């Protein structure tokens, strides 16, 4: 797996994201961290976004791919998602 740059350098990175097996190509536009939820918020050029724990974001940076539980309205409303570098 590819080693990725630190979080601030993720902007502009080509990725695939979405439900497992249905990932769509996109580009990371911004990464924000929310202390209130303890989650990272990844925003894409397509105006879609996703959120994951800081540990999951660190796994993505280290490995180039992460399977994670995305939260929607609250922590009980979740769905499995994938984010991977698109070489």
PDB file of N, CA and C in Angstrom:
ATOM      1  N   UNK A   1       0.833  -1.187   0.000  1.00  0.00           N
ATOM      2  CA  UNK A   1       0.000   0.000   0.000  1.00  0.00           C
ATOM      3  C   UNK A   1       0.881   1.254   0.000  1.00  0.00           C
ATOM      4  N   UNK A   2       0.317   2.327  -0.539  1.00  0.00           N
ATOM      5  CA  UNK A   2       1.026   3.589  -0.675  1.00  0.00           C
ATOM      6  C   UNK A   2       1.021   4.364   0.633  1.00  0.00           C
ATOM      7  N   UNK A   3       2.166   4.956   0.988  1.00  0.00           N
ATOM      8  CA  UNK A   3       2.217   5.844   2.151  1.00  0.00           C
ATOM      9  C   UNK A   3       1.796   7.232   1.692  1.00  0.00           C
ATOM     10  N   UNK A   4       0.868   7.849   2.425  1.00  0.00           N
ATOM     11  CA  UNK A   4       0.326   9.142   2.030  1.00  0.00           C
ATOM     12  C   UNK A   4       0.918  10.270   2.870  1.00  0.00           C
ATOM     13  N   UNK A   5       0.818  11.518   2.373  1.00  0.00           N
ATOM     14  CA  UNK A   5       1.325  12.673   3.129  1.00  0.00           C
ATOM     15  C   UNK A   5       0.466  12.950   4.361  1.00  0.00           C
ATOM     16  N   UNK A   6       0.947  13.839   5.220  1.00  0.00           N
ATOM     17  CA  UNK A   6       0.192  14.228   6.409  1.00  0.00           C
ATOM     18  C   UNK A   6      -1.133  14.880   6.013  1.00  0.00           C
ATOM     19  N   UNK A   7      -2.045  15.005   6.945  1.00  0.00           N
ATOM     20  CA  UNK A   7      -3.413  15.450   6.674  1.00  0.00           C
ATOM     21  C   UNK A   7      -3.477  16.765   5.899  1.00  0.00           C
ATOM     22  N   UNK A   8      -2.682  17.758   6.248  1.00  0.00           N
ATOM     23  CA  UNK A   8      -2.732  19.045   5.548  1.00  0.00           C
ATOM     24  C   UNK A   8      -2.349  18.911   4.084  1.00  0.00           C
ATOM     25  N   UNK A   9      -1.539  17.918   3.783  1.00  0.00           N
ATOM     26  CA  UNK A   9      -1.102  17.713   2.403  1.00  0.00           C
ATOM     27  C   UNK A   9      -2.057  16.832   1.607  1.00  0.00           C
ATOM     28  N   UNK A  10      -3.155  16.403   2.203  1.00  0.00           N
ATOM     29  CA  UNK A  10      -4.114  15.561   1.493  1.00  0.00           C
ATOM     30  C   UNK A  10      -4.926  16.351   0.473  1.00  0.00           C
ATOM     31  N   UNK A  11      -4.973  17.670   0.640  1.00  0.00           N
ATOM     32  CA  UNK A  11      -5.749  18.500  -0.273  1.00  0.00           C
ATOM     33  C   UNK A  11      -5.197  18.342  -1.686  1.00  0.00           C
ATOM     34  N   UNK A  12      -6.098  18.037  -2.614  1.00  0.00           N
ATOM     35  CA  UNK A  12      -5.719  17.816  -4.003  1.00  0.00           C
ATOM     36  C   UNK A  12      -5.446  16.359  -4.344  1.00  0.00           C
ATOM     37  N   UNK A  13      -5.461  15.467  -3.346  1.00  0.00           N
ATOM     38  CA  UNK A  13      -5.188  14.046  -3.573  1.00  0.00           C
ATOM     39  C   UNK A  13      -6.365  13.384  -4.286  1.00  0.00           C
ATOM     40  N   UNK A  14      -6.074  12.657  -5.361  1.00  0.00           N
ATOM     41  CA  UNK A  14      -7.109  11.889  -6.063  1.00  0.00           C
ATOM     42  C   UNK A  14      -7.414  10.642  -5.254  1.00  0.00           C
ATOM     43  N   UNK A  15      -8.706  10.401  -5.014  1.00  0.00           N
ATOM     44  CA  UNK A  15      -9.151   9.275  -4.196  1.00  0.00           C
ATOM     45  C   UNK A  15     -10.379   8.627  -4.818  1.00  0.00           C
ATOM     46  N   UNK A  16     -10.761   7.499  -4.246  1.00  0.00           N
ATOM     47  CA  UNK A  16     -12.059   6.886  -4.484  1.00  0.00           C
ATOM     48  C   UNK A  16     -12.715   6.750  -3.123  1.00  0.00           C
ATOM     49  N   UNK A  17     -14.015   7.060  -3.049  1.00  0.00           N
ATOM     50  CA  UNK A  17     -14.712   6.963  -1.760  1.00  0.00           C
ATOM     51  C   UNK A  17     -16.158   6.548  -1.990  1.00  0.00           C
ATOM     52  N   UNK A  18     -16.740   5.974  -0.964  1.00  0.00           N
ATOM     53  CA  UNK A  18     -18.140   5.570  -1.015  1.00  0.00           C
ATOM     54  C   UNK A  18     -18.361   4.252  -0.327  1.00  0.00           C
ATOM     55  N   UNK A  19     -19.483   3.625  -0.636  1.00  0.00           N
ATOM     56  CA  UNK A  19     -19.795   2.313  -0.084  1.00  0.00           C
ATOM     57  C   UNK A  19     -18.845   1.278  -0.683  1.00  0.00           C
ATOM     58  N   UNK A  20     -18.485   0.244   0.086  1.00  0.00           N
ATOM     59  CA  UNK A  20     -17.588  -0.784  -0.445  1.00  0.00           C
ATOM     60  C   UNK A  20     -18.122  -1.372  -1.751  1.00  0.00           C
ATOM     61  N   UNK A  21     -17.280  -1.375  -2.784  1.00  0.00           N
ATOM     62  CA  UNK A  21     -17.656  -1.887  -4.082  1.00  0.00           C
ATOM     63  C   UNK A  21     -18.311  -0.862  -4.987  1.00  0.00           C
ATOM     64  N   UNK A  22     -18.625   0.308  -4.446  1.00  0.00           N
ATOM     65  CA  UNK A  22     -19.290   1.366  -5.215  1.00  0.00           C
ATOM     66  C   UNK A  22     -18.553   2.702  -5.075  1.00  0.00           C
ATOM     67  N   UNK A  23     -17.234   2.647  -4.921  1.00  0.00           N
ATOM     68  CA  UNK A  23     -16.460   3.861  -4.721  1.00  0.00           C
ATOM     69  C   UNK A  23     -16.462   4.713  -5.987  1.00  0.00           C
ATOM     70  N   UNK A  24     -16.493   6.029  -5.795  1.00  0.00           N
ATOM     71  CA  UNK A  24     -16.491   6.981  -6.889  1.00  0.00           C
ATOM     72  C   UNK A  24     -15.194   7.790  -6.867  1.00  0.00           C
ATOM     73  N   UNK A  25     -14.635   8.113  -8.036  1.00  0.00           N
ATOM     74  CA  UNK A  25     -13.424   8.935  -8.061  1.00  0.00           C
ATOM     75  C   UNK A  25     -13.747  10.367  -7.641  1.00  0.00           C
ATOM     76  N   UNK A  26     -12.820  10.989  -6.941  1.00  0.00           N
ATOM     77  CA  UNK A  26     -12.999  12.359  -6.473  1.00  0.00           C
ATOM     78  C   UNK A  26     -11.635  12.917  -6.092  1.00  0.00           C
ATOM     79  N   UNK A  27     -11.614  14.144  -5.589  1.00  0.00           N
ATOM     80  CA  UNK A  27     -10.389  14.817  -5.151  1.00  0.00           C
ATOM     81  C   UNK A  27     -10.683  15.443  -3.790  1.00  0.00           C
ATOM     82  N   UNK A  28      -9.770  15.276  -2.833  1.00  0.00           N
ATOM     83  CA  UNK A  28      -9.956  15.884  -1.507  1.00  0.00           C
ATOM     84  C   UNK A  28      -9.785  17.392  -1.629  1.00  0.00           C
ATOM     85  N   UNK A  29     -10.774  18.143  -1.138  1.00  0.00           N
ATOM     86  CA  UNK A  29     -10.767  19.600  -1.179  1.00  0.00           C
ATOM     87  C   UNK A  29     -10.367  20.210   0.161  1.00  0.00           C
ATOM     88  N   UNK A  30     -10.698  19.530   1.262  1.00  0.00           N
ATOM     89  CA  UNK A  30     -10.378  20.060   2.591  1.00  0.00           C
ATOM     90  C   UNK A  30     -10.507  18.954   3.628  1.00  0.00           C
ATOM     91  N   UNK A  31      -9.812  19.117   4.745  1.00  0.00           N
ATOM     92  CA  UNK A  31      -9.913  18.211   5.890  1.00  0.00           C
ATOM     93  C   UNK A  31     -10.044  19.076   7.134  1.00  0.00           C
ATOM     94  N   UNK A  32     -11.086  18.839   7.912  1.00  0.00           N
ATOM     95  CA  UNK A  32     -11.318  19.591   9.145  1.00  0.00           C
ATOM     96  C   UNK A  32     -11.433  18.614  10.306  1.00  0.00           C
ATOM     97  N   UNK A  33     -11.124  19.089  11.505  1.00  0.00           N
ATOM     98  CA  UNK A  33     -11.189  18.268  12.708  1.00  0.00           C
ATOM     99  C   UNK A  33     -12.154  18.912  13.689  1.00  0.00           C
ATOM    100  N   UNK A  34     -13.083  18.114  14.204  1.00  0.00           N
ATOM    101  CA  UNK A  34     -14.064  18.624  15.149  1.00  0.00           C
ATOM    102  C   UNK A  34     -13.835  17.997  16.518  1.00  0.00           C
ATOM    103  N   UNK A  35     -13.413  18.820  17.477  1.00  0.00           N
ATOM    104  CA  UNK A  35     -13.176  18.316  18.826  1.00  0.00           C
ATOM    105  C   UNK A  35     -14.472  17.839  19.466  1.00  0.00           C
ATOM    106  N   UNK A  36     -15.585  18.472  19.138  1.00  0.00           N
ATOM    107  CA  UNK A  36     -16.863  18.117  19.762  1.00  0.00           C
ATOM    108  C   UNK A  36     -17.270  16.675  19.455  1.00  0.00           C
ATOM    109  N   UNK A  37     -16.909  16.182  18.264  1.00  0.00           N
ATOM    110  CA  UNK A  37     -17.261  14.814  17.886  1.00  0.00           C
ATOM    111  C   UNK A  37     -16.051  13.887  17.880  1.00  0.00           C
ATOM    112  N   UNK A  38     -14.851  14.459  17.891  1.00  0.00           N
ATOM    113  CA  UNK A  38     -13.632  13.650  17.821  1.00  0.00           C
ATOM    114  C   UNK A  38     -13.449  13.023  16.444  1.00  0.00           C
ATOM    115  N   UNK A  39     -14.027  13.642  15.418  1.00  0.00           N
ATOM    116  CA  UNK A  39     -13.976  13.070  14.077  1.00  0.00           C
ATOM    117  C   UNK A  39     -13.351  14.051  13.090  1.00  0.00           C
ATOM    118  N   UNK A  40     -12.755  13.473  12.057  1.00  0.00           N
ATOM    119  CA  UNK A  40     -12.230  14.253  10.941  1.00  0.00           C
ATOM    120  C   UNK A  40     -13.305  14.323   9.872  1.00  0.00           C
ATOM    121  N   UNK A  41     -13.437  15.478   9.255  1.00  0.00           N
ATOM    122  CA  UNK A  41     -14.435  15.713   8.207  1.00  0.00           C
ATOM    123  C   UNK A  41     -13.665  15.940   6.908  1.00  0.00           C
ATOM    124  N   UNK A  42     -13.841  15.051   5.932  1.00  0.00           N
ATOM    125  CA  UNK A  42     -13.153  15.143   4.649  1.00  0.00           C
ATOM    126  C   UNK A  42     -14.153  15.646   3.615  1.00  0.00           C
ATOM    127  N   UNK A  43     -13.807  16.757   2.971  1.00  0.00           N
ATOM    128  CA  UNK A  43     -14.680  17.378   1.977  1.00  0.00           C
ATOM    129  C   UNK A  43     -14.036  17.181   0.602  1.00  0.00           C
ATOM    130  N   UNK A  44     -14.857  16.817  -0.377  1.00  0.00           N
ATOM    131  CA  UNK A  44     -14.371  16.521  -1.718  1.00  0.00           C
ATOM    132  C   UNK A  44     -14.753  17.622  -2.701  1.00  0.00           C
ATOM    133  N   UNK A  45     -14.038  17.699  -3.824  1.00  0.00           N
ATOM    134  CA  UNK A  45     -14.324  18.682  -4.882  1.00  0.00           C
ATOM    135  C   UNK A  45     -15.759  18.557  -5.383  1.00  0.00           C
ATOM    136  N   UNK A  46     -16.311  17.354  -5.361  1.00  0.00           N
ATOM    137  CA  UNK A  46     -17.674  17.114  -5.831  1.00  0.00           C
ATOM    138  C   UNK A  46     -18.735  17.670  -4.881  1.00  0.00           C
ATOM    139  N   UNK A  47     -18.313  18.235  -3.758  1.00  0.00           N
ATOM    140  CA  UNK A  47     -19.179  18.764  -2.690  1.00  0.00           C
ATOM    141  C   UNK A  47     -19.732  17.664  -1.785  1.00  0.00           C
ATOM    142  N   UNK A  48     -19.376  16.403  -2.025  1.00  0.00           N
ATOM    143  CA  UNK A  48     -19.693  15.352  -1.065  1.00  0.00           C
ATOM    144  C   UNK A  48     -18.720  15.466   0.092  1.00  0.00           C
ATOM    145  N   UNK A  49     -19.058  14.848   1.217  1.00  0.00           N
ATOM    146  CA  UNK A  49     -18.154  14.815   2.360  1.00  0.00           C
ATOM    147  C   UNK A  49     -18.340  13.510   3.106  1.00  0.00           C
ATOM    148  N   UNK A  50     -17.391  13.224   3.975  1.00  0.00           N
ATOM    149  CA  UNK A  50     -17.459  12.040   4.817  1.00  0.00           C
ATOM    150  C   UNK A  50     -16.800  12.374   6.141  1.00  0.00           C
ATOM    151  N   UNK A  51     -16.977  11.514   7.122  1.00  0.00           N
ATOM    152  CA  UNK A  51     -16.330  11.733   8.412  1.00  0.00           C
ATOM    153  C   UNK A  51     -15.855  10.422   8.963  1.00  0.00           C
ATOM    154  N   UNK A  52     -14.766  10.493   9.736  1.00  0.00           N
ATOM    155  CA  UNK A  52     -14.145   9.304  10.315  1.00  0.00           C
ATOM    156  C   UNK A  52     -13.397   9.708  11.575  1.00  0.00           C
ATOM    157  N   UNK A  53     -13.003   8.726  12.365  1.00  0.00           N
ATOM    158  CA  UNK A  53     -12.216   9.034  13.557  1.00  0.00           C
ATOM    159  C   UNK A  53     -10.823   9.473  13.136  1.00  0.00           C
ATOM    160  N   UNK A  54     -10.125  10.103  14.050  1.00  0.00           N
ATOM    161  CA  UNK A  54      -8.745  10.510  13.767  1.00  0.00           C
ATOM    162  C   UNK A  54      -7.852   9.296  13.551  1.00  0.00           C
ATOM    163  N   UNK A  55      -8.129   8.205  14.258  1.00  0.00           N
ATOM    164  CA  UNK A  55      -7.360   6.973  14.052  1.00  0.00           C
ATOM    165  C   UNK A  55      -7.591   6.408  12.653  1.00  0.00           C
ATOM    166  N   UNK A  56      -8.822   6.489  12.165  1.00  0.00           N
ATOM    167  CA  UNK A  56      -9.119   6.014  10.811  1.00  0.00           C
ATOM    168  C   UNK A  56      -8.434   6.888   9.769  1.00  0.00           C
ATOM    169  N   UNK A  57      -8.410   8.217  10.003  1.00  0.00           N
ATOM    170  CA  UNK A  57      -7.703   9.104   9.084  1.00  0.00           C
ATOM    171  C   UNK A  57      -6.207   8.785   9.099  1.00  0.00           C
ATOM    172  N   UNK A  58      -5.659   8.519  10.268  1.00  0.00           N
ATOM    173  CA  UNK A  58      -4.243   8.148  10.366  1.00  0.00           C
ATOM    174  C   UNK A  58      -3.972   6.843   9.617  1.00  0.00           C
ATOM    175  N   UNK A  59      -4.897   5.902   9.679  1.00  0.00           N
ATOM    176  CA  UNK A  59      -4.752   4.654   8.933  1.00  0.00           C
ATOM    177  C   UNK A  59      -4.752   4.923   7.427  1.00  0.00           C
ATOM    178  N   UNK A  60      -5.628   5.826   6.970  1.00  0.00           N
ATOM    179  CA  UNK A  60      -5.650   6.195   5.556  1.00  0.00           C
ATOM    180  C   UNK A  60      -4.321   6.825   5.140  1.00  0.00           C
ATOM    181  N   UNK A  61      -3.801   7.718   5.960  1.00  0.00           N
ATOM    182  CA  UNK A  61      -2.525   8.376   5.651  1.00  0.00           C
ATOM    183  C   UNK A  61      -1.403   7.350   5.587  1.00  0.00           C
ATOM    184  N   UNK A  62      -1.399   6.397   6.512  1.00  0.00           N
ATOM    185  CA  UNK A  62      -0.322   5.403   6.570  1.00  0.00           C
ATOM    186  C   UNK A  62      -0.431   4.329   5.491  1.00  0.00           C
ATOM    187  N   UNK A  63      -1.659   3.910   5.172  1.00  0.00           N
ATOM    188  CA  UNK A  63      -1.823   2.741   4.301  1.00  0.00           C
ATOM    189  C   UNK A  63      -2.373   3.062   2.910  1.00  0.00           C
ATOM    190  N   UNK A  64      -2.977   4.239   2.744  1.00  0.00           N
ATOM    191  CA  UNK A  64      -3.556   4.585   1.449  1.00  0.00           C
ATOM    192  C   UNK A  64      -4.967   4.078   1.253  1.00  0.00           C
ATOM    193  N   UNK A  65      -5.525   3.408   2.275  1.00  0.00           N
ATOM    194  CA  UNK A  65      -6.894   2.891   2.198  1.00  0.00           C
ATOM    195  C   UNK A  65      -7.411   2.670   3.609  1.00  0.00           C
ATOM    196  N   UNK A  66      -8.697   2.949   3.797  1.00  0.00           N
ATOM    197  CA  UNK A  66      -9.322   2.692   5.092  1.00  0.00           C
ATOM    198  C   UNK A  66     -10.797   2.344   4.879  1.00  0.00           C
ATOM    199  N   UNK A  67     -11.269   1.358   5.613  1.00  0.00           N
ATOM    200  CA  UNK A  67     -12.693   1.021   5.703  1.00  0.00           C
ATOM    201  C   UNK A  67     -13.126   1.551   7.067  1.00  0.00           C
ATOM    202  N   UNK A  68     -14.204   2.309   7.107  1.00  0.00           N
ATOM    203  CA  UNK A  68     -14.576   2.982   8.351  1.00  0.00           C
ATOM    204  C   UNK A  68     -16.083   3.115   8.457  1.00  0.00           C
ATOM    205  N   UNK A  69     -16.530   3.489   9.643  1.00  0.00           N
ATOM    206  CA  UNK A  69     -17.942   3.697   9.916  1.00  0.00           C
ATOM    207  C   UNK A  69     -18.232   5.195   9.859  1.00  0.00           C
ATOM    208  N   UNK A  70     -18.934   5.621   8.812  1.00  0.00           N
ATOM    209  CA  UNK A  70     -19.295   7.028   8.649  1.00  0.00           C
ATOM    210  C   UNK A  70     -20.536   7.322   9.476  1.00  0.00           C
ATOM    211  N   UNK A  71     -20.536   8.447  10.191  1.00  0.00           N
ATOM    212  CA  UNK A  71     -21.705   8.865  10.962  1.00  0.00           C
ATOM    213  C   UNK A  71     -22.537   9.820  10.117  1.00  0.00           C
ATOM    214  N   UNK A  72     -23.850   9.707  10.224  1.00  0.00           N
ATOM    215  CA  UNK A  72     -24.751  10.612   9.520  1.00  0.00           C
ATOM    216  C   UNK A  72     -25.360  11.583  10.527  1.00  0.00           C
ATOM    217  N   UNK A  73     -26.599  11.404  10.937  1.00  0.00           N
ATOM    218  CA  UNK A  73     -27.226  12.346  11.869  1.00  0.00           C
ATOM    219  C   UNK A  73     -26.673  12.247  13.285  1.00  0.00           C
ATOM    220  N   UNK A  74     -26.298  11.048  13.702  1.00  0.00           N
ATOM    221  CA  UNK A  74     -25.756  10.871  15.053  1.00  0.00           C
ATOM    222  C   UNK A  74     -24.890   9.612  15.068  1.00  0.00           C
ATOM    223  N   UNK A  75     -24.307   9.314  16.204  1.00  0.00           N
ATOM    224  CA  UNK A  75     -23.363   8.184  16.275  1.00  0.00           C
ATOM    225  C   UNK A  75     -24.025   6.817  16.111  1.00  0.00           C
ATOM    226  N   UNK A  76     -25.348   6.742  16.199  1.00  0.00           N
ATOM    227  CA  UNK A  76     -26.048   5.475  15.984  1.00  0.00           C
ATOM    228  C   UNK A  76     -26.500   5.307  14.537  1.00  0.00           C
ATOM    229  N   UNK A  77     -26.461   6.391  13.768  1.00  0.00           N
ATOM    230  CA  UNK A  77     -26.847   6.380  12.355  1.00  0.00           C
ATOM    231  C   UNK A  77     -25.555   6.314  11.536  1.00  0.00           C
ATOM    232  N   UNK A  78     -25.136   5.094  11.197  1.00  0.00           N
ATOM    233  CA  UNK A  78     -23.835   4.902  10.552  1.00  0.00           C
ATOM    234  C   UNK A  78     -23.946   4.051   9.292  1.00  0.00           C
ATOM    235  N   UNK A  79     -22.882   4.059   8.533  1.00  0.00           N
ATOM    236  CA  UNK A  79     -22.792   3.211   7.346  1.00  0.00           C
ATOM    237  C   UNK A  79     -21.337   2.921   7.045  1.00  0.00           C
ATOM    238  N   UNK A  80     -21.061   1.736   6.518  1.00  0.00           N
ATOM    239  CA  UNK A  80     -19.694   1.360   6.161  1.00  0.00           C
ATOM    240  C   UNK A  80     -19.276   2.128   4.917  1.00  0.00           C
ATOM    241  N   UNK A  81     -18.072   2.670   4.943  1.00  0.00           N
ATOM    242  CA  UNK A  81     -17.551   3.435   3.809  1.00  0.00           C
ATOM    243  C   UNK A  81     -16.079   3.066   3.574  1.00  0.00           C
ATOM    244  N   UNK A  82     -15.592   3.432   2.398  1.00  0.00           N
ATOM    245  CA  UNK A  82     -14.209   3.188   2.014  1.00  0.00           C
ATOM    246  C   UNK A  82     -13.625   4.479   1.454  1.00  0.00           C
ATOM    247  N   UNK A  83     -12.373   4.745   1.809  1.00  0.00           N
ATOM    248  CA  UNK A  83     -11.615   5.839   1.210  1.00  0.00           C
ATOM    249  C   UNK A  83     -10.263   5.266   0.821  1.00  0.00           C
ATOM    250  N   UNK A  84      -9.883   5.426  -0.461  1.00  0.00           N
ATOM    251  CA  UNK A  84      -8.582   4.916  -0.886  1.00  0.00           C
ATOM    252  C   UNK A  84      -7.969   5.835  -1.918  1.00  0.00           C
ATOM    253  N   UNK A  85      -6.643   5.883  -1.893  1.00  0.00           N
ATOM    254  CA  UNK A  85      -5.904   6.682  -2.864  1.00  0.00           C
ATOM    255  C   UNK A  85      -6.140   6.119  -4.246  1.00  0.00           C
ATOM    256  N   UNK A  86      -6.281   6.993  -5.222  1.00  0.00           N
ATOM    257  CA  UNK A  86      -6.543   6.595  -6.599  1.00  0.00           C
ATOM    258  C   UNK A  86      -5.307   6.915  -7.426  1.00  0.00           C
ATOM    259  N   UNK A  87      -4.407   5.943  -7.516  1.00  0.00           N
ATOM    260  CA  UNK A  87      -3.136   6.169  -8.221  1.00  0.00           C
ATOM    261  C   UNK A  87      -3.384   6.208  -9.694  1.00  0.00           C
TER     262      UNK A  87
END
